Amino acid sequence: MWPSDTGTLALWHRLTPGAAVTIIKADADGAEVTRYDGHVRRVHSADQWIEAEAVWSHGNVALAGLRFVPGDHLLEYFSPVLPYNVFTVFAPDGALRGWYANVSHPALLRENGDKLELTWRDLYLDLIGLPDGTHITLDEDELAESGLATSNPAMYARIARTQVAVIERFKAREYPFSVVSLDGLSS
């Protein structure tokens, strides 16, 4: 079990529909990689998921069959208790492009003045899932090069187990991999 942050759990109730949130991606060491604005669309009681929406504003990116294009809508799912997040990617016309999941520490939530900041720390392994059911794991080389297998074998094993759980959840189309429409509802 991954530990949850008590400060995050105390603030999580503030992530209500309509709440503005700054989403921060950090690398495995905790250094900020990027930040962007989103807003909470829904709260799901199972595993305390929140669904945030953001619009892709970076350049065109293609990864293993999944494209990100400026103007794409992302429904992003974060939990303070689960060690991964999921992005459901929709084209500007609402067509489902697929899912991108990141093994991470459980999400952290902090107050910064009157703003809420949700931070997730990327832990190397990612899953790309396509609407036809195909999937691929990315960045296994980065995990191997991290040295965690020898410097922190418990964390290495935790990351690997989490990736297996993410793949199983994707194959079973369990929430949030069941979300196939931009309204954020399952099929």
N, C-alpha and C. Protein backbone atom coordinates (compact mmCIF):
# COMPACT_ATOMS: atom_id res chain seq x y z
N MET A 1 0.83 -1.18 0.00
CA MET A 1 0.00 0.00 0.00
C MET A 1 0.88 1.24 0.00
N TRP A 2 0.51 2.20 -0.81
CA TRP A 2 1.24 3.46 -0.86
C TRP A 2 0.67 4.39 0.22
N PRO A 3 1.51 5.08 0.92
CA PRO A 3 0.99 5.98 1.96
C PRO A 3 0.32 7.21 1.33
N SER A 4 -0.78 7.63 1.95
CA SER A 4 -1.45 8.85 1.54
C SER A 4 -1.00 9.99 2.45
N ASP A 5 -0.96 11.17 1.91
CA ASP A 5 -0.54 12.36 2.64
C ASP A 5 -1.71 12.88 3.47
N THR A 6 -1.52 13.03 4.77
CA THR A 6 -2.62 13.45 5.64
C THR A 6 -3.08 14.87 5.34
N GLY A 7 -2.16 15.76 4.98
CA GLY A 7 -2.55 17.12 4.61
C GLY A 7 -3.43 17.13 3.38
N THR A 8 -3.09 16.28 2.41
CA THR A 8 -3.90 16.16 1.19
C THR A 8 -5.30 15.65 1.52
N LEU A 9 -5.37 14.61 2.34
CA LEU A 9 -6.66 14.04 2.70
C LEU A 9 -7.53 15.07 3.42
N ALA A 10 -6.92 15.94 4.22
CA ALA A 10 -7.67 16.96 4.94
C ALA A 10 -8.23 18.03 4.00
N LEU A 11 -7.56 18.27 2.87
CA LEU A 11 -8.00 19.30 1.91
C LEU A 11 -8.86 18.75 0.78
N TRP A 12 -8.85 17.44 0.55
CA TRP A 12 -9.44 16.85 -0.64
C TRP A 12 -10.91 17.25 -0.83
N HIS A 13 -11.63 17.45 0.27
CA HIS A 13 -13.05 17.83 0.19
C HIS A 13 -13.26 19.17 -0.51
N ARG A 14 -12.20 19.96 -0.64
CA ARG A 14 -12.32 21.27 -1.31
C ARG A 14 -12.36 21.12 -2.83
N LEU A 15 -12.05 19.94 -3.33
CA LEU A 15 -12.10 19.70 -4.77
C LEU A 15 -13.53 19.33 -5.15
N THR A 16 -14.35 20.33 -5.25
CA THR A 16 -15.76 20.15 -5.59
C THR A 16 -15.97 20.59 -7.04
N PRO A 17 -17.06 20.13 -7.67
CA PRO A 17 -17.31 20.54 -9.06
C PRO A 17 -17.27 22.06 -9.22
N GLY A 18 -16.51 22.48 -10.22
CA GLY A 18 -16.34 23.89 -10.50
C GLY A 18 -15.10 24.51 -9.87
N ALA A 19 -14.49 23.82 -8.90
CA ALA A 19 -13.31 24.36 -8.23
C ALA A 19 -12.14 24.47 -9.21
N ALA A 20 -11.47 25.60 -9.17
CA ALA A 20 -10.25 25.78 -9.97
C ALA A 20 -9.10 25.08 -9.27
N VAL A 21 -8.23 24.48 -10.04
CA VAL A 21 -7.07 23.80 -9.48
C VAL A 21 -5.90 23.96 -10.45
N THR A 22 -4.74 24.25 -9.90
CA THR A 22 -3.51 24.25 -10.69
C THR A 22 -2.94 22.84 -10.60
N ILE A 23 -2.70 22.23 -11.75
CA ILE A 23 -2.17 20.86 -11.80
C ILE A 23 -0.69 20.94 -12.10
N ILE A 24 0.10 20.30 -11.27
CA ILE A 24 1.55 20.36 -11.38
C ILE A 24 2.09 18.95 -11.57
N LYS A 25 2.84 18.76 -12.64
CA LYS A 25 3.54 17.49 -12.84
C LYS A 25 4.96 17.67 -12.34
N ALA A 26 5.40 16.73 -11.51
CA ALA A 26 6.77 16.72 -11.01
C ALA A 26 7.45 15.44 -11.47
N ASP A 27 8.77 15.48 -11.57
CA ASP A 27 9.49 14.28 -11.95
C ASP A 27 9.65 13.37 -10.74
N ALA A 28 10.33 12.26 -10.90
CA ALA A 28 10.46 11.26 -9.84
C ALA A 28 11.15 11.83 -8.60
N ASP A 29 11.99 12.85 -8.80
CA ASP A 29 12.69 13.47 -7.67
C ASP A 29 11.89 14.60 -7.04
N GLY A 30 10.74 14.93 -7.61
CA GLY A 30 9.89 15.99 -7.05
C GLY A 30 10.07 17.35 -7.68
N ALA A 31 10.95 17.47 -8.69
CA ALA A 31 11.15 18.76 -9.36
C ALA A 31 10.01 19.03 -10.33
N GLU A 32 9.52 20.26 -10.33
CA GLU A 32 8.41 20.62 -11.21
C GLU A 32 8.81 20.53 -12.68
N VAL A 33 7.95 19.89 -13.46
CA VAL A 33 8.16 19.74 -14.90
C VAL A 33 7.26 20.72 -15.65
N THR A 34 5.99 20.77 -15.26
CA THR A 34 5.04 21.68 -15.90
C THR A 34 3.88 21.94 -14.96
N ARG A 35 3.15 23.02 -15.24
CA ARG A 35 1.93 23.33 -14.49
C ARG A 35 0.92 23.94 -15.44
N TYR A 36 -0.34 23.72 -15.15
CA TYR A 36 -1.40 24.26 -15.99
C TYR A 36 -2.68 24.35 -15.16
N ASP A 37 -3.61 25.14 -15.65
CA ASP A 37 -4.88 25.33 -14.95
C ASP A 37 -5.91 24.31 -15.41
N GLY A 38 -6.70 23.86 -14.47
CA GLY A 38 -7.81 22.97 -14.75
C GLY A 38 -8.95 23.30 -13.82
N HIS A 39 -10.03 22.60 -13.98
CA HIS A 39 -11.13 22.75 -13.03
C HIS A 39 -11.76 21.38 -12.79
N VAL A 40 -12.30 21.22 -11.60
CA VAL A 40 -12.91 19.96 -11.22
C VAL A 40 -14.28 19.86 -11.86
N ARG A 41 -14.53 18.76 -12.53
CA ARG A 41 -15.84 18.51 -13.14
C ARG A 41 -16.70 17.61 -12.27
N ARG A 42 -16.11 16.56 -11.76
CA ARG A 42 -16.86 15.58 -10.97
C ARG A 42 -15.98 15.04 -9.86
N VAL A 43 -16.65 14.52 -8.85
CA VAL A 43 -15.99 13.83 -7.75
C VAL A 43 -16.60 12.44 -7.70
N HIS A 44 -15.76 11.44 -7.61
CA HIS A 44 -16.22 10.05 -7.56
C HIS A 44 -15.76 9.47 -6.23
N SER A 45 -16.69 8.91 -5.49
CA SER A 45 -16.36 8.44 -4.16
C SER A 45 -15.42 7.24 -4.16
N ALA A 46 -15.54 6.37 -5.14
CA ALA A 46 -14.65 5.21 -5.18
C ALA A 46 -13.21 5.68 -5.35
N ASP A 47 -12.38 5.30 -4.43
CA ASP A 47 -10.95 5.67 -4.43
C ASP A 47 -10.73 7.17 -4.44
N GLN A 48 -11.75 7.93 -4.08
CA GLN A 48 -11.67 9.38 -3.94
C GLN A 48 -11.19 10.07 -5.22
N TRP A 49 -11.54 9.55 -6.37
CA TRP A 49 -11.15 10.15 -7.64
C TRP A 49 -11.79 11.53 -7.80
N ILE A 50 -11.04 12.45 -8.37
CA ILE A 50 -11.63 13.67 -8.90
C ILE A 50 -11.38 13.66 -10.39
N GLU A 51 -12.30 14.23 -11.12
CA GLU A 51 -12.17 14.37 -12.57
C GLU A 51 -11.97 15.86 -12.85
N ALA A 52 -10.82 16.20 -13.38
CA ALA A 52 -10.52 17.58 -13.76
C ALA A 52 -10.51 17.66 -15.28
N GLU A 53 -10.79 18.82 -15.80
CA GLU A 53 -10.73 19.02 -17.24
C GLU A 53 -9.66 20.05 -17.55
N ALA A 54 -8.94 19.77 -18.60
CA ALA A 54 -7.94 20.71 -19.10
C ALA A 54 -7.96 20.62 -20.62
N VAL A 55 -7.43 21.65 -21.25
CA VAL A 55 -7.32 21.68 -22.70
C VAL A 55 -5.84 21.60 -23.05
N TRP A 56 -5.50 20.69 -23.96
CA TRP A 56 -4.10 20.52 -24.38
C TRP A 56 -3.67 21.76 -25.15
N SER A 57 -2.61 22.41 -24.66
CA SER A 57 -2.15 23.63 -25.31
C SER A 57 -0.70 23.54 -25.76
N HIS A 58 -0.10 22.38 -25.57
CA HIS A 58 1.27 22.18 -26.03
C HIS A 58 1.23 21.80 -27.51
N GLY A 59 2.34 21.49 -28.08
CA GLY A 59 2.39 21.13 -29.50
C GLY A 59 1.79 19.76 -29.78
N ASN A 60 1.87 19.37 -31.03
CA ASN A 60 1.42 18.04 -31.45
C ASN A 60 2.38 16.99 -30.88
N VAL A 61 1.81 15.96 -30.27
CA VAL A 61 2.61 14.88 -29.71
C VAL A 61 1.95 13.57 -30.13
N ALA A 62 2.76 12.64 -30.62
CA ALA A 62 2.25 11.31 -30.97
C ALA A 62 3.10 10.27 -30.23
N LEU A 63 2.41 9.42 -29.47
CA LEU A 63 3.10 8.39 -28.69
C LEU A 63 2.37 7.06 -28.86
N ALA A 64 3.01 6.13 -29.51
CA ALA A 64 2.49 4.76 -29.61
C ALA A 64 1.02 4.71 -30.04
N GLY A 65 0.66 5.54 -31.00
CA GLY A 65 -0.69 5.53 -31.53
C GLY A 65 -1.65 6.53 -30.89
N LEU A 66 -1.24 7.17 -29.81
CA LEU A 66 -2.08 8.17 -29.15
C LEU A 66 -1.55 9.55 -29.51
N ARG A 67 -2.44 10.37 -30.06
CA ARG A 67 -2.05 11.73 -30.44
C ARG A 67 -2.62 12.74 -29.46
N PHE A 68 -1.82 13.77 -29.20
CA PHE A 68 -2.26 14.95 -28.45
C PHE A 68 -2.11 16.12 -29.40
N VAL A 69 -3.17 16.87 -29.59
CA VAL A 69 -3.20 17.99 -30.53
C VAL A 69 -3.73 19.21 -29.79
N PRO A 70 -3.15 20.40 -30.02
CA PRO A 70 -3.70 21.58 -29.37
C PRO A 70 -5.21 21.67 -29.57
N GLY A 71 -5.92 21.93 -28.48
CA GLY A 71 -7.37 21.97 -28.51
C GLY A 71 -8.02 20.69 -28.04
N ASP A 72 -7.24 19.60 -27.89
CA ASP A 72 -7.79 18.36 -27.34
C ASP A 72 -8.28 18.62 -25.92
N HIS A 73 -9.34 17.92 -25.54
CA HIS A 73 -9.85 17.98 -24.18
C HIS A 73 -9.33 16.77 -23.43
N LEU A 74 -8.83 17.01 -22.24
CA LEU A 74 -8.37 15.93 -21.39
C LEU A 74 -9.22 15.89 -20.14
N LEU A 75 -9.78 14.73 -19.87
CA LEU A 75 -10.40 14.48 -18.58
C LEU A 75 -9.33 13.76 -17.77
N GLU A 76 -8.93 14.38 -16.69
CA GLU A 76 -7.80 13.89 -15.90
C GLU A 76 -8.30 13.41 -14.56
N TYR A 77 -7.87 12.21 -14.18
CA TYR A 77 -8.35 11.57 -12.97
C TYR A 77 -7.20 11.42 -11.98
N PHE A 78 -7.43 11.96 -10.78
CA PHE A 78 -6.42 11.92 -9.72
C PHE A 78 -7.06 11.40 -8.45
N SER A 79 -6.25 10.70 -7.66
CA SER A 79 -6.71 10.15 -6.38
C SER A 79 -5.63 10.40 -5.33
N PRO A 80 -6.05 10.69 -4.10
CA PRO A 80 -5.06 10.84 -3.03
C PRO A 80 -4.65 9.50 -2.41
N VAL A 81 -5.28 8.41 -2.87
CA VAL A 81 -4.99 7.10 -2.28
C VAL A 81 -4.41 6.10 -3.28
N LEU A 82 -4.59 6.34 -4.58
CA LEU A 82 -4.07 5.42 -5.59
C LEU A 82 -2.78 5.97 -6.20
N PRO A 83 -1.82 5.10 -6.51
CA PRO A 83 -0.52 5.54 -7.01
C PRO A 83 -0.44 5.64 -8.54
N TYR A 84 -1.46 6.19 -9.14
CA TYR A 84 -1.44 6.44 -10.57
C TYR A 84 -2.54 7.43 -10.91
N ASN A 85 -2.43 8.02 -12.09
CA ASN A 85 -3.48 8.89 -12.59
C ASN A 85 -3.78 8.48 -14.03
N VAL A 86 -4.90 8.95 -14.54
CA VAL A 86 -5.33 8.59 -15.88
C VAL A 86 -5.81 9.83 -16.59
N PHE A 87 -5.37 10.01 -17.83
CA PHE A 87 -5.87 11.09 -18.69
C PHE A 87 -6.63 10.44 -19.83
N THR A 88 -7.88 10.84 -20.00
CA THR A 88 -8.67 10.40 -21.14
C THR A 88 -8.61 11.52 -22.16
N VAL A 89 -8.18 11.22 -23.37
CA VAL A 89 -7.91 12.24 -24.38
C VAL A 89 -9.00 12.21 -25.45
N PHE A 90 -9.58 13.39 -25.70
CA PHE A 90 -10.62 13.56 -26.71
C PHE A 90 -10.19 14.62 -27.72
N ALA A 91 -10.43 14.35 -28.98
CA ALA A 91 -10.19 15.34 -30.04
C ALA A 91 -11.14 16.52 -29.82
N PRO A 92 -10.84 17.67 -30.44
CA PRO A 92 -11.75 18.82 -30.29
C PRO A 92 -13.19 18.52 -30.67
N ASP A 93 -13.42 17.56 -31.58
CA ASP A 93 -14.79 17.21 -31.97
C ASP A 93 -15.44 16.21 -31.01
N GLY A 94 -14.73 15.82 -29.95
CA GLY A 94 -15.27 14.90 -28.96
C GLY A 94 -14.94 13.44 -29.18
N ALA A 95 -14.26 13.10 -30.27
CA ALA A 95 -13.90 11.71 -30.53
C ALA A 95 -12.84 11.24 -29.53
N LEU A 96 -13.04 10.05 -29.00
CA LEU A 96 -12.09 9.47 -28.05
C LEU A 96 -10.80 9.10 -28.78
N ARG A 97 -9.68 9.63 -28.28
CA ARG A 97 -8.37 9.26 -28.82
C ARG A 97 -7.76 8.10 -28.04
N GLY A 98 -7.96 8.08 -26.72
CA GLY A 98 -7.41 7.02 -25.89
C GLY A 98 -7.09 7.50 -24.50
N TRP A 99 -6.29 6.70 -23.78
CA TRP A 99 -5.95 6.97 -22.39
C TRP A 99 -4.44 6.98 -22.22
N TYR A 100 -4.01 7.82 -21.31
CA TYR A 100 -2.61 7.87 -20.91
C TYR A 100 -2.60 7.79 -19.39
N ALA A 101 -1.97 6.77 -18.85
CA ALA A 101 -1.92 6.60 -17.40
C ALA A 101 -0.47 6.66 -16.94
N ASN A 102 -0.27 7.27 -15.80
CA ASN A 102 1.05 7.44 -15.22
C ASN A 102 1.12 6.77 -13.86
N VAL A 103 2.13 5.92 -13.65
CA VAL A 103 2.41 5.46 -12.30
C VAL A 103 2.98 6.68 -11.58
N SER A 104 2.46 6.93 -10.40
CA SER A 104 2.88 8.11 -9.64
C SER A 104 2.66 7.85 -8.16
N HIS A 105 3.15 8.74 -7.35
CA HIS A 105 2.73 8.72 -5.95
C HIS A 105 1.27 9.15 -5.92
N PRO A 106 0.52 8.81 -4.86
CA PRO A 106 -0.82 9.37 -4.75
C PRO A 106 -0.74 10.91 -4.86
N ALA A 107 -1.79 11.51 -5.42
CA ALA A 107 -1.79 12.96 -5.65
C ALA A 107 -1.64 13.72 -4.33
N LEU A 108 -0.95 14.85 -4.42
CA LEU A 108 -0.80 15.76 -3.28
C LEU A 108 -1.61 17.02 -3.55
N LEU A 109 -2.26 17.54 -2.55
CA LEU A 109 -3.03 18.78 -2.68
C LEU A 109 -2.55 19.76 -1.63
N ARG A 110 -2.26 20.97 -2.07
CA ARG A 110 -1.78 22.03 -1.18
C ARG A 110 -2.53 23.31 -1.49
N GLU A 111 -2.60 24.18 -0.49
CA GLU A 111 -3.12 25.53 -0.68
C GLU A 111 -1.93 26.43 -0.95
N ASN A 112 -2.09 27.31 -1.91
CA ASN A 112 -1.09 28.34 -2.19
C ASN A 112 -1.86 29.65 -2.24
N GLY A 113 -1.93 30.33 -1.11
CA GLY A 113 -2.81 31.49 -1.01
C GLY A 113 -4.24 31.01 -1.09
N ASP A 114 -4.99 31.56 -2.02
CA ASP A 114 -6.39 31.14 -2.18
C ASP A 114 -6.54 30.10 -3.28
N LYS A 115 -5.43 29.59 -3.80
CA LYS A 115 -5.49 28.60 -4.88
C LYS A 115 -5.17 27.21 -4.36
N LEU A 116 -5.75 26.22 -5.05
CA LEU A 116 -5.43 24.82 -4.77
C LEU A 116 -4.45 24.33 -5.82
N GLU A 117 -3.41 23.63 -5.38
CA GLU A 117 -2.42 23.06 -6.29
C GLU A 117 -2.37 21.55 -6.08
N LEU A 118 -2.62 20.82 -7.15
CA LEU A 118 -2.57 19.36 -7.13
C LEU A 118 -1.29 18.94 -7.83
N THR A 119 -0.44 18.23 -7.11
CA THR A 119 0.84 17.79 -7.66
C THR A 119 0.85 16.27 -7.77
N TRP A 120 1.35 15.81 -8.91
CA TRP A 120 1.57 14.38 -9.07
C TRP A 120 3.01 14.16 -9.51
N ARG A 121 3.66 13.17 -8.88
CA ARG A 121 5.06 12.83 -9.17
C ARG A 121 5.11 11.62 -10.09
N ASP A 122 5.62 11.84 -11.28
CA ASP A 122 5.73 10.80 -12.30
C ASP A 122 6.81 9.79 -11.90
N LEU A 123 6.42 8.53 -11.88
CA LEU A 123 7.36 7.46 -11.50
C LEU A 123 7.64 6.54 -12.68
N TYR A 124 8.12 7.12 -13.74
CA TYR A 124 8.67 6.41 -14.89
C TYR A 124 7.65 5.71 -15.78
N LEU A 125 6.98 4.68 -15.29
CA LEU A 125 6.17 3.84 -16.18
C LEU A 125 4.84 4.49 -16.53
N ASP A 126 4.48 4.39 -17.81
CA ASP A 126 3.24 4.93 -18.33
C ASP A 126 2.54 3.85 -19.15
N LEU A 127 1.23 4.01 -19.27
CA LEU A 127 0.45 3.12 -20.11
C LEU A 127 -0.29 3.97 -21.13
N ILE A 128 -0.22 3.56 -22.36
CA ILE A 128 -1.07 4.14 -23.40
C ILE A 128 -2.08 3.07 -23.76
N GLY A 129 -3.35 3.44 -23.69
CA GLY A 129 -4.42 2.54 -24.07
C GLY A 129 -5.23 3.16 -25.19
N LEU A 130 -5.55 2.37 -26.18
CA LEU A 130 -6.31 2.86 -27.33
C LEU A 130 -7.73 2.31 -27.29
N PRO A 131 -8.66 2.99 -27.94
CA PRO A 131 -10.05 2.55 -27.91
C PRO A 131 -10.27 1.11 -28.37
N ASP A 132 -9.39 0.59 -29.23
CA ASP A 132 -9.56 -0.78 -29.71
C ASP A 132 -9.05 -1.84 -28.71
N GLY A 133 -8.56 -1.38 -27.56
CA GLY A 133 -8.10 -2.30 -26.52
C GLY A 133 -6.61 -2.56 -26.51
N THR A 134 -5.89 -2.10 -27.53
CA THR A 134 -4.44 -2.28 -27.50
C THR A 134 -3.84 -1.35 -26.46
N HIS A 135 -2.71 -1.79 -25.92
CA HIS A 135 -2.02 -0.96 -24.92
C HIS A 135 -0.53 -1.24 -24.99
N ILE A 136 0.22 -0.29 -24.48
CA ILE A 136 1.67 -0.43 -24.44
C ILE A 136 2.18 0.28 -23.19
N THR A 137 3.24 -0.28 -22.62
CA THR A 137 3.91 0.35 -21.50
C THR A 137 5.09 1.15 -22.04
N LEU A 138 5.21 2.38 -21.57
CA LEU A 138 6.31 3.25 -21.97
C LEU A 138 7.28 3.44 -20.82
N ASP A 139 8.51 3.79 -21.16
CA ASP A 139 9.54 4.25 -20.24
C ASP A 139 10.11 3.17 -19.32
N GLU A 140 10.01 1.91 -19.73
CA GLU A 140 10.66 0.86 -18.94
C GLU A 140 12.17 1.08 -18.90
N ASP A 141 12.71 1.66 -19.98
CA ASP A 141 14.14 1.96 -20.00
C ASP A 141 14.51 3.02 -18.96
N GLU A 142 13.63 4.01 -18.78
CA GLU A 142 13.90 5.06 -17.78
C GLU A 142 13.89 4.47 -16.37
N LEU A 143 12.95 3.56 -16.12
CA LEU A 143 12.92 2.93 -14.80
C LEU A 143 14.20 2.11 -14.57
N ALA A 144 14.62 1.38 -15.59
CA ALA A 144 15.85 0.58 -15.46
C ALA A 144 17.06 1.49 -15.21
N GLU A 145 17.12 2.61 -15.94
CA GLU A 145 18.26 3.54 -15.80
C GLU A 145 18.23 4.33 -14.50
N SER A 146 17.09 4.34 -13.81
CA SER A 146 16.97 5.10 -12.57
C SER A 146 17.84 4.54 -11.45
N GLY A 147 18.18 3.27 -11.55
CA GLY A 147 18.97 2.64 -10.51
C GLY A 147 18.15 2.19 -9.30
N LEU A 148 16.84 2.36 -9.35
CA LEU A 148 16.00 1.98 -8.21
C LEU A 148 16.06 0.48 -7.91
N ALA A 149 16.31 -0.33 -8.93
CA ALA A 149 16.35 -1.79 -8.70
C ALA A 149 17.38 -2.14 -7.63
N THR A 150 18.46 -1.37 -7.55
CA THR A 150 19.48 -1.64 -6.53
C THR A 150 19.44 -0.62 -5.39
N SER A 151 19.14 0.65 -5.68
CA SER A 151 19.15 1.67 -4.62
C SER A 151 17.90 1.66 -3.75
N ASN A 152 16.78 1.25 -4.32
CA ASN A 152 15.53 1.20 -3.56
C ASN A 152 14.64 0.09 -4.15
N PRO A 153 15.04 -1.17 -3.91
CA PRO A 153 14.30 -2.27 -4.53
C PRO A 153 12.82 -2.32 -4.13
N ALA A 154 12.49 -1.85 -2.93
CA ALA A 154 11.08 -1.85 -2.52
C ALA A 154 10.28 -0.89 -3.40
N MET A 155 10.81 0.29 -3.68
CA MET A 155 10.11 1.24 -4.54
C MET A 155 10.04 0.72 -5.97
N TYR A 156 11.11 0.12 -6.44
CA TYR A 156 11.13 -0.46 -7.78
C TYR A 156 10.01 -1.50 -7.92
N ALA A 157 9.90 -2.37 -6.94
CA ALA A 157 8.86 -3.41 -6.97
C ALA A 157 7.47 -2.80 -6.88
N ARG A 158 7.32 -1.75 -6.08
CA ARG A 158 6.03 -1.07 -5.93
C ARG A 158 5.60 -0.47 -7.27
N ILE A 159 6.53 0.14 -7.98
CA ILE A 159 6.23 0.74 -9.29
C ILE A 159 5.81 -0.35 -10.27
N ALA A 160 6.56 -1.44 -10.30
CA ALA A 160 6.23 -2.54 -11.23
C ALA A 160 4.86 -3.14 -10.91
N ARG A 161 4.55 -3.35 -9.63
CA ARG A 161 3.24 -3.89 -9.25
C ARG A 161 2.11 -2.93 -9.64
N THR A 162 2.36 -1.66 -9.47
CA THR A 162 1.33 -0.67 -9.82
C THR A 162 1.07 -0.70 -11.31
N GLN A 163 2.11 -0.82 -12.12
CA GLN A 163 1.90 -0.87 -13.58
C GLN A 163 1.06 -2.09 -13.97
N VAL A 164 1.31 -3.21 -13.34
CA VAL A 164 0.50 -4.40 -13.60
C VAL A 164 -0.96 -4.12 -13.23
N ALA A 165 -1.20 -3.47 -12.10
CA ALA A 165 -2.57 -3.15 -11.68
C ALA A 165 -3.24 -2.19 -12.66
N VAL A 166 -2.49 -1.22 -13.18
CA VAL A 166 -3.04 -0.27 -14.17
C VAL A 166 -3.42 -1.02 -15.44
N ILE A 167 -2.56 -1.91 -15.90
CA ILE A 167 -2.86 -2.69 -17.12
C ILE A 167 -4.11 -3.54 -16.90
N GLU A 168 -4.21 -4.20 -15.76
CA GLU A 168 -5.39 -5.02 -15.48
C GLU A 168 -6.65 -4.16 -15.45
N ARG A 169 -6.56 -2.98 -14.85
CA ARG A 169 -7.71 -2.08 -14.80
C ARG A 169 -8.11 -1.64 -16.20
N PHE A 170 -7.11 -1.34 -17.04
CA PHE A 170 -7.40 -0.95 -18.42
C PHE A 170 -8.09 -2.09 -19.17
N LYS A 171 -7.54 -3.29 -19.08
CA LYS A 171 -8.11 -4.43 -19.79
C LYS A 171 -9.56 -4.70 -19.37
N ALA A 172 -9.85 -4.49 -18.10
CA ALA A 172 -11.20 -4.72 -17.59
C ALA A 172 -12.10 -3.50 -17.82
N ARG A 173 -11.53 -2.43 -18.35
CA ARG A 173 -12.24 -1.16 -18.57
C ARG A 173 -12.89 -0.66 -17.28
N GLU A 174 -12.14 -0.81 -16.18
CA GLU A 174 -12.61 -0.30 -14.90
C GLU A 174 -12.37 1.20 -14.85
N TYR A 175 -13.21 1.88 -14.11
CA TYR A 175 -13.12 3.33 -13.98
C TYR A 175 -11.70 3.73 -13.61
N PRO A 176 -11.17 4.75 -14.20
CA PRO A 176 -11.71 5.67 -15.19
C PRO A 176 -11.50 5.26 -16.64
N PHE A 177 -10.99 4.06 -16.87
CA PHE A 177 -10.83 3.59 -18.25
C PHE A 177 -12.17 3.27 -18.92
N SER A 178 -13.23 3.34 -18.17
CA SER A 178 -14.57 3.12 -18.72
C SER A 178 -15.15 4.40 -19.31
N VAL A 179 -14.50 5.54 -19.08
CA VAL A 179 -15.00 6.82 -19.59
C VAL A 179 -14.66 6.91 -21.08
N VAL A 180 -15.70 6.98 -21.90
CA VAL A 180 -15.49 6.97 -23.35
C VAL A 180 -16.16 8.15 -24.05
N SER A 181 -16.73 9.07 -23.27
CA SER A 181 -17.34 10.24 -23.89
C SER A 181 -16.92 11.49 -23.13
N LEU A 182 -16.92 12.58 -23.82
CA LEU A 182 -16.44 13.83 -23.25
C LEU A 182 -17.30 14.32 -22.10
N ASP A 183 -18.52 13.82 -21.99
CA ASP A 183 -19.33 14.22 -20.85
C ASP A 183 -18.82 13.56 -19.57
N GLY A 184 -17.80 12.70 -19.70
CA GLY A 184 -17.16 12.09 -18.55
C GLY A 184 -17.90 10.91 -17.99
N LEU A 185 -18.88 10.43 -18.72
CA LEU A 185 -19.65 9.30 -18.24
C LEU A 185 -19.17 8.02 -18.89
N SER A 186 -19.36 6.93 -18.18
CA SER A 186 -18.97 5.62 -18.70
C SER A 186 -19.95 5.18 -19.76
N SER A 187 -19.50 4.23 -20.57
CA SER A 187 -20.36 3.70 -21.62
C SER A 187 -21.45 2.82 -21.03
